[in-house]
Protein backbone atom coordinates (compact mmCIF):
# COMPACT_ATOMS: atom_id res chain seq x y z
CA MET A 1 -63.40 101.05 97.67
CA ASP A 2 -60.45 100.87 96.53
CA LYS A 3 -58.38 101.04 94.05
CA ILE A 4 -55.90 98.11 93.06
CA GLN A 5 -51.77 98.88 92.86
CA LEU A 6 -50.30 96.58 90.46
CA THR A 7 -46.99 97.00 90.40
CA LYS A 8 -45.08 97.09 87.43
CA GLU A 9 -43.96 93.78 88.17
CA GLN A 10 -47.00 92.27 89.06
CA ILE A 11 -48.07 93.72 85.76
CA GLY A 12 -45.32 92.38 83.11
CA GLN A 13 -46.65 89.05 85.39
CA ILE A 14 -50.10 89.57 83.98
CA VAL A 15 -48.99 90.53 80.72
CA ALA A 16 -46.61 87.09 80.62
CA GLY A 17 -49.07 85.32 82.23
CA VAL A 18 -51.81 86.26 79.09
CA LEU A 19 -49.35 86.40 76.66
CA PHE A 20 -48.74 82.19 77.22
CA GLY A 21 -51.88 81.52 78.21
CA GLY A 22 -52.85 82.78 74.85
CA LEU A 23 -49.80 81.77 73.17
CA PHE A 24 -50.70 78.19 74.72
CA ILE A 25 -54.41 78.04 73.57
CA TYR A 26 -52.93 78.87 70.18
CA GLY A 27 -50.56 75.85 70.33
CA TYR A 28 -52.86 73.71 71.85
CA LEU A 29 -55.58 74.70 68.74
CA PHE A 30 -53.57 74.63 65.43
CA TYR A 31 -51.33 71.68 66.85
CA PHE A 32 -53.18 69.46 68.59
CA TRP A 33 -57.07 70.79 68.71
CA LEU A 34 -57.97 71.72 64.74
CA PRO A 35 -55.42 68.59 63.38
CA THR A 36 -57.46 66.14 65.39
CA SER A 37 -60.61 67.43 64.14
CA LYS A 38 -59.74 67.23 61.34
CA LYS A 39 -58.67 63.59 61.28
CA ILE A 40 -62.06 62.67 63.65
CA GLU A 41 -63.84 64.48 60.32
CA ASP A 42 -61.71 62.66 57.84
CA ASN A 43 -62.13 59.03 59.69
CA THR A 44 -65.53 59.69 59.53
CA LYS A 45 -66.50 60.70 56.38
CA LYS A 46 -64.32 57.46 55.73
CA ILE A 47 -66.02 54.72 57.53
CA ALA A 48 -69.28 56.17 55.83
CA SER A 49 -67.87 55.72 52.59
CA MET A 50 -67.34 52.35 54.10
CA GLU A 51 -70.38 51.44 55.47
CA SER A 52 -72.28 52.18 52.18
CA ASP A 53 -69.49 50.15 50.28
CA ILE A 54 -70.55 47.35 53.13
CA ASN A 55 -74.05 47.77 52.21
CA LYS A 56 -73.68 47.68 48.45
CA ALA A 57 -72.07 44.84 48.58
CA ARG A 58 -74.30 42.50 51.21
CA MET A 59 -76.79 43.98 48.29
CA GLN A 60 -74.79 42.83 45.37
CA LYS A 61 -74.17 39.54 47.70
CA ALA A 62 -78.02 39.03 49.03
CA LYS A 63 -79.16 40.00 44.45
CA TYR A 64 -75.78 37.29 43.67
CA LYS A 65 -78.16 34.66 45.84
CA ASP A 66 -81.48 35.02 43.59
CA LEU A 67 -79.27 35.78 40.47
CA THR A 68 -77.17 32.14 40.97
CA ALA A 69 -80.81 30.62 41.72
CA LYS A 70 -82.09 32.23 38.25
CA LEU A 71 -79.36 30.70 36.15
CA GLU A 72 -79.07 27.46 37.46
CA SER A 73 -83.35 27.50 36.14
CA LEU A 74 -82.11 28.69 33.02
CA LYS A 75 -79.25 25.94 33.04
CA GLU A 76 -81.98 23.36 33.46
CA GLU A 77 -84.82 25.13 30.93
CA LYS A 78 -81.70 25.43 28.39
CA GLU A 79 -81.30 21.33 28.95
CA ALA A 80 -85.03 20.35 28.45
CA ALA A 81 -85.38 22.83 25.41
CA GLN A 82 -82.20 20.88 24.36
CA LYS A 83 -83.68 17.40 24.83
CA LYS A 84 -87.18 18.52 23.04
CA LEU A 85 -85.44 20.65 20.18
CA PRO A 86 -81.50 19.15 19.65
CA ARG A 87 -79.25 20.68 17.72
CA GLU A 88 -77.96 17.87 15.62
CA ARG A 89 -80.14 15.77 14.08
CA LYS A 90 -78.64 12.69 16.44
CA LEU A 91 -80.40 9.84 14.66
CA PRO A 92 -78.81 6.92 16.59
CA ASP A 93 -81.56 8.05 19.60
CA LEU A 94 -84.37 8.41 17.04
CA LEU A 95 -82.92 4.90 16.06
CA ARG A 96 -83.14 3.68 19.62
CA THR A 97 -86.06 4.93 20.35
CA ILE A 98 -88.19 4.04 17.43
CA THR A 99 -87.05 0.79 18.58
CA ALA A 100 -87.60 0.90 21.90
CA LEU A 101 -91.37 2.03 21.05
CA SER A 102 -91.49 -0.83 18.58
CA ARG A 103 -90.58 -3.72 20.57
CA LYS A 104 -93.16 -2.01 23.33
CA TYR A 105 -95.85 -1.98 21.37
CA ARG A 106 -95.09 -4.62 19.15
CA VAL A 107 -94.39 -3.21 16.36
CA ASN A 108 -92.46 -4.20 14.17
CA VAL A 109 -90.45 -1.40 11.85
CA GLN A 110 -90.26 -2.73 8.52
CA ALA A 111 -87.88 0.37 7.21
CA ILE A 112 -86.77 3.38 7.97
CA THR A 113 -85.98 5.72 4.70
CA PRO A 114 -84.63 9.77 5.56
CA ALA A 115 -87.00 11.42 3.34
CA GLY A 116 -84.94 14.56 2.77
CA SER A 117 -85.07 17.96 5.71
CA ALA A 118 -86.52 22.12 4.92
CA PRO A 119 -85.11 24.48 6.81
CA VAL A 120 -87.78 26.88 8.10
CA GLU A 121 -87.19 29.97 10.48
CA TYR A 122 -85.98 28.73 13.38
CA PHE A 123 -85.82 24.97 12.83
CA THR A 124 -85.25 22.54 10.11
CA ARG A 125 -87.63 19.19 9.49
CA VAL A 126 -85.93 16.41 9.29
CA SER A 127 -88.12 13.81 7.65
CA TYR A 128 -87.83 9.85 7.07
CA LEU A 129 -90.46 6.85 5.76
CA ILE A 130 -90.72 4.92 8.07
CA SER A 131 -93.18 1.80 6.93
CA LEU A 132 -94.13 -1.01 10.52
CA LYS A 133 -96.67 -3.65 10.21
CA GLY A 134 -98.43 -4.98 13.56
CA ASN A 135 -102.32 -4.88 14.98
CA TYR A 136 -103.94 -1.75 14.82
CA ASN A 137 -104.51 -0.80 18.42
CA ASP A 138 -100.54 -1.52 19.06
CA ILE A 139 -99.96 0.87 16.03
CA GLY A 140 -102.13 3.87 17.30
CA ARG A 141 -100.67 2.86 20.62
CA PHE A 142 -96.87 3.54 18.72
CA LEU A 143 -97.66 6.76 17.32
CA THR A 144 -99.11 7.92 20.12
CA ALA A 145 -96.08 6.96 22.04
CA LEU A 146 -93.96 8.63 19.54
CA GLY A 147 -95.91 11.89 19.83
CA LEU A 148 -95.53 11.82 23.75
CA GLU A 149 -91.66 11.30 23.40
CA GLU A 150 -89.63 14.25 24.79
CA ARG A 151 -88.07 15.04 21.48
CA ILE A 152 -90.25 16.98 19.62
CA MET A 153 -91.34 14.32 16.09
CA THR A 154 -94.51 14.49 14.85
CA SER A 155 -96.72 11.98 12.12
CA GLU A 156 -98.16 12.92 8.98
CA ASN A 157 -98.90 11.38 6.17
CA LEU A 158 -100.55 8.03 7.76
CA GLY A 159 -101.01 5.80 4.87
CA MET A 160 -102.59 2.36 6.63
CA THR A 161 -104.02 -1.80 4.66
CA ALA A 162 -105.14 -4.77 6.13
CA THR A 163 -103.81 -7.51 5.58
CA VAL A 164 -106.06 -10.32 5.65
CA GLY A 165 -105.29 -14.23 6.72
CA ALA A 166 -104.51 -16.05 9.48
CA ASP A 167 -103.91 -12.66 12.15
CA THR A 168 -105.48 -9.87 11.08
CA SER A 169 -103.37 -6.87 10.47
CA VAL A 170 -102.23 -3.86 8.91
CA ASN A 171 -98.95 -2.53 7.40
CA ALA A 172 -98.47 1.12 8.22
CA GLN A 173 -97.19 3.78 5.82
CA PHE A 174 -96.58 7.58 7.60
CA THR A 175 -93.52 10.08 7.44
CA LEU A 176 -92.35 11.06 10.71
CA VAL A 177 -90.89 14.76 11.42
CA ALA A 178 -88.19 14.93 14.05
CA TYR A 179 -87.64 18.63 14.04
CA GLN A 180 -83.73 20.01 14.77
CA TYR A 181 -83.12 23.53 15.94
CA ASN A 182 -81.23 26.54 13.73
CA GLY A 183 -79.45 28.11 15.86
């Protein structure tokens, strides 16, 4: 084969072409490709971070729904517990309850006397001496209804005496203990 003979001018053009091609590749890499790939990489990391934050927020939102329902449930339980064991004496409410039950069960409440209070670990026992008159069965129903009231109350030291006459009735004296929360 014959050797290719290049002139100096042709060699110069080839060298200039290689040099400009290298310069073009260098410029393309350092001014376009590398900064663009760096931006792409940074944006990919930002997107991954944002997606992670979004997933965390979705998980917290799902927990928030559960927490809201749990909070409402706990509020209802608290209100129910406060009705059973109030923080204050609530004597007017107690008197209304006793009066309503005495009318319902045809019992005549003759006297209600405060008998003091005694603090216990988490609650206070507030005592009232109650005297009433009525039919034996009606008094029993009245005492049962007191025990079934929403507020926690107990009847203690019940004493009963029968009265003989035109109508057989019973006089009863007992201590009503209502409980009050200390916390």
